[in-house]
Amino acid sequence: MAVDKEVLKQKILEFATKKAKHKSKMYIKDLYKAMPEAKPREVKNAANELVREGKLEFFSSGSTTMYGVPGMGKGVEEAFEE
């Protein structure tokens, strides 16, 4: 049974915002916990849609891609400054 995409996006955003107080960047597997009954593909698609909407952002260390809430923690530019 598929979950409602808008509900899933809201749960992911709430989870990411709450989690960002302690950990500003999250792996996709962390976002699976936002709604355990959703399939991994549904979570990934919803998270990517939130990135396109500007509500989440990608962070890449070169070897892995993480998600973050814009304005929380270090951004891409600050992370690689010397």
C-alpha atoms as a PDB file:
ATOM      1  CA  MET A   1       0.000   0.000   0.000  1.00  0.00           C
ATOM      2  CA  ALA A   2       1.457   3.330  -1.067  1.00  0.00           C
ATOM      3  CA  VAL A   3       1.625   6.188   1.399  1.00  0.00           C
ATOM      4  CA  ASP A   4       0.355   9.695   0.686  1.00  0.00           C
ATOM      5  CA  LYS A   5       3.312  11.621  -0.743  1.00  0.00           C
ATOM      6  CA  GLU A   6       2.370  14.935   0.885  1.00  0.00           C
ATOM      7  CA  VAL A   7       2.055  13.289   4.311  1.00  0.00           C
ATOM      8  CA  LEU A   8       5.390  11.551   3.777  1.00  0.00           C
ATOM      9  CA  LYS A   9       7.089  14.817   2.767  1.00  0.00           C
ATOM     10  CA  GLN A  10       5.707  16.542   5.874  1.00  0.00           C
ATOM     11  CA  LYS A  11       6.937  13.708   8.138  1.00  0.00           C
ATOM     12  CA  ILE A  12      10.399  13.790   6.532  1.00  0.00           C
ATOM     13  CA  LEU A  13      10.621  17.570   6.945  1.00  0.00           C
ATOM     14  CA  GLU A  14       9.516  17.393  10.606  1.00  0.00           C
ATOM     15  CA  PHE A  15      11.980  14.566  11.292  1.00  0.00           C
ATOM     16  CA  ALA A  16      14.859  16.347   9.554  1.00  0.00           C
ATOM     17  CA  THR A  17      14.184  19.640  11.342  1.00  0.00           C
ATOM     18  CA  LYS A  18      14.007  17.973  14.754  1.00  0.00           C
ATOM     19  CA  LYS A  19      17.101  15.855  14.044  1.00  0.00           C
ATOM     20  CA  ALA A  20      19.039  18.874  12.690  1.00  0.00           C
ATOM     21  CA  LYS A  21      19.298  20.296  16.216  1.00  0.00           C
ATOM     22  CA  HIS A  22      21.709  17.447  17.016  1.00  0.00           C
ATOM     23  CA  LYS A  23      22.930  16.286  13.630  1.00  0.00           C
ATOM     24  CA  SER A  24      22.781  18.713  10.713  1.00  0.00           C
ATOM     25  CA  LYS A  25      23.401  16.196   7.904  1.00  0.00           C
ATOM     26  CA  MET A  26      21.562  12.893   7.510  1.00  0.00           C
ATOM     27  CA  TYR A  27      21.927   9.844   5.327  1.00  0.00           C
ATOM     28  CA  ILE A  28      18.900   8.652   3.377  1.00  0.00           C
ATOM     29  CA  LYS A  29      18.706   5.668   5.752  1.00  0.00           C
ATOM     30  CA  ASP A  30      18.169   8.141   8.616  1.00  0.00           C
ATOM     31  CA  LEU A  31      15.182   9.599   6.772  1.00  0.00           C
ATOM     32  CA  TYR A  32      13.616   6.121   6.484  1.00  0.00           C
ATOM     33  CA  LYS A  33      12.859   6.421  10.220  1.00  0.00           C
ATOM     34  CA  ALA A  34      10.538   9.383   9.576  1.00  0.00           C
ATOM     35  CA  MET A  35       7.851   7.000   8.341  1.00  0.00           C
ATOM     36  CA  PRO A  36       8.860   3.347   8.753  1.00  0.00           C
ATOM     37  CA  GLU A  37       5.809   2.024   6.898  1.00  0.00           C
ATOM     38  CA  ALA A  38       6.897   3.813   3.694  1.00  0.00           C
ATOM     39  CA  LYS A  39       9.039   1.962   1.182  1.00  0.00           C
ATOM     40  CA  PRO A  40      12.650   3.165   0.795  1.00  0.00           C
ATOM     41  CA  ARG A  41      12.006   4.269  -2.797  1.00  0.00           C
ATOM     42  CA  GLU A  42       9.030   6.382  -1.679  1.00  0.00           C
ATOM     43  CA  VAL A  43      11.163   8.076   0.996  1.00  0.00           C
ATOM     44  CA  LYS A  44      13.981   8.770  -1.458  1.00  0.00           C
ATOM     45  CA  ASN A  45      11.602  10.225  -4.063  1.00  0.00           C
ATOM     46  CA  ALA A  46       9.889  12.415  -1.449  1.00  0.00           C
ATOM     47  CA  ALA A  47      13.252  13.620  -0.064  1.00  0.00           C
ATOM     48  CA  ASN A  48      14.477  14.474  -3.566  1.00  0.00           C
ATOM     49  CA  GLU A  49      11.273  16.386  -4.216  1.00  0.00           C
ATOM     50  CA  LEU A  50      11.847  18.350  -0.987  1.00  0.00           C
ATOM     51  CA  VAL A  51      15.330  19.213  -2.301  1.00  0.00           C
ATOM     52  CA  ARG A  52      13.824  20.497  -5.557  1.00  0.00           C
ATOM     53  CA  GLU A  53      11.381  22.603  -3.520  1.00  0.00           C
ATOM     54  CA  GLY A  54      14.287  24.053  -1.496  1.00  0.00           C
ATOM     55  CA  LYS A  55      13.073  22.640   1.829  1.00  0.00           C
ATOM     56  CA  LEU A  56      16.019  20.225   2.094  1.00  0.00           C
ATOM     57  CA  GLU A  57      19.478  20.406   0.553  1.00  0.00           C
ATOM     58  CA  PHE A  58      22.033  17.906  -0.670  1.00  0.00           C
ATOM     59  CA  PHE A  59      25.463  17.734   0.908  1.00  0.00           C
ATOM     60  CA  SER A  60      28.131  15.665  -0.806  1.00  0.00           C
ATOM     61  CA  SER A  61      31.440  14.759   0.779  1.00  0.00           C
ATOM     62  CA  GLY A  62      32.610  13.234  -2.471  1.00  0.00           C
ATOM     63  CA  SER A  63      31.971   9.652  -1.450  1.00  0.00           C
ATOM     64  CA  THR A  64      28.415   9.936  -0.200  1.00  0.00           C
ATOM     65  CA  THR A  65      25.406  12.207  -0.470  1.00  0.00           C
ATOM     66  CA  MET A  66      23.595  13.425   2.612  1.00  0.00           C
ATOM     67  CA  TYR A  67      20.530  15.561   3.234  1.00  0.00           C
ATOM     68  CA  GLY A  68      20.309  18.635   5.409  1.00  0.00           C
ATOM     69  CA  VAL A  69      17.943  21.432   6.358  1.00  0.00           C
ATOM     70  CA  PRO A  70      19.020  24.687   4.677  1.00  0.00           C
ATOM     71  CA  GLY A  71      20.544  27.109   7.170  1.00  0.00           C
ATOM     72  CA  MET A  72      21.265  24.489   9.826  1.00  0.00           C
ATOM     73  CA  GLY A  73      24.830  23.337  10.371  1.00  0.00           C
ATOM     74  CA  LYS A  74      27.619  23.938   7.906  1.00  0.00           C
ATOM     75  CA  GLY A  75      26.696  24.417   4.285  1.00  0.00           C
ATOM     76  CA  VAL A  76      28.642  23.045   1.353  1.00  0.00           C
ATOM     77  CA  GLU A  77      30.756  26.208   1.057  1.00  0.00           C
ATOM     78  CA  GLU A  78      31.790  26.349   4.753  1.00  0.00           C
ATOM     79  CA  ALA A  79      32.540  22.645   5.017  1.00  0.00           C
ATOM     80  CA  PHE A  80      35.428  22.848   2.562  1.00  0.00           C
ATOM     81  CA  GLU A  81      36.935  26.186   3.595  1.00  0.00           C
ATOM     82  CA  GLU A  82      40.428  26.016   5.027  1.00  0.00           C
END
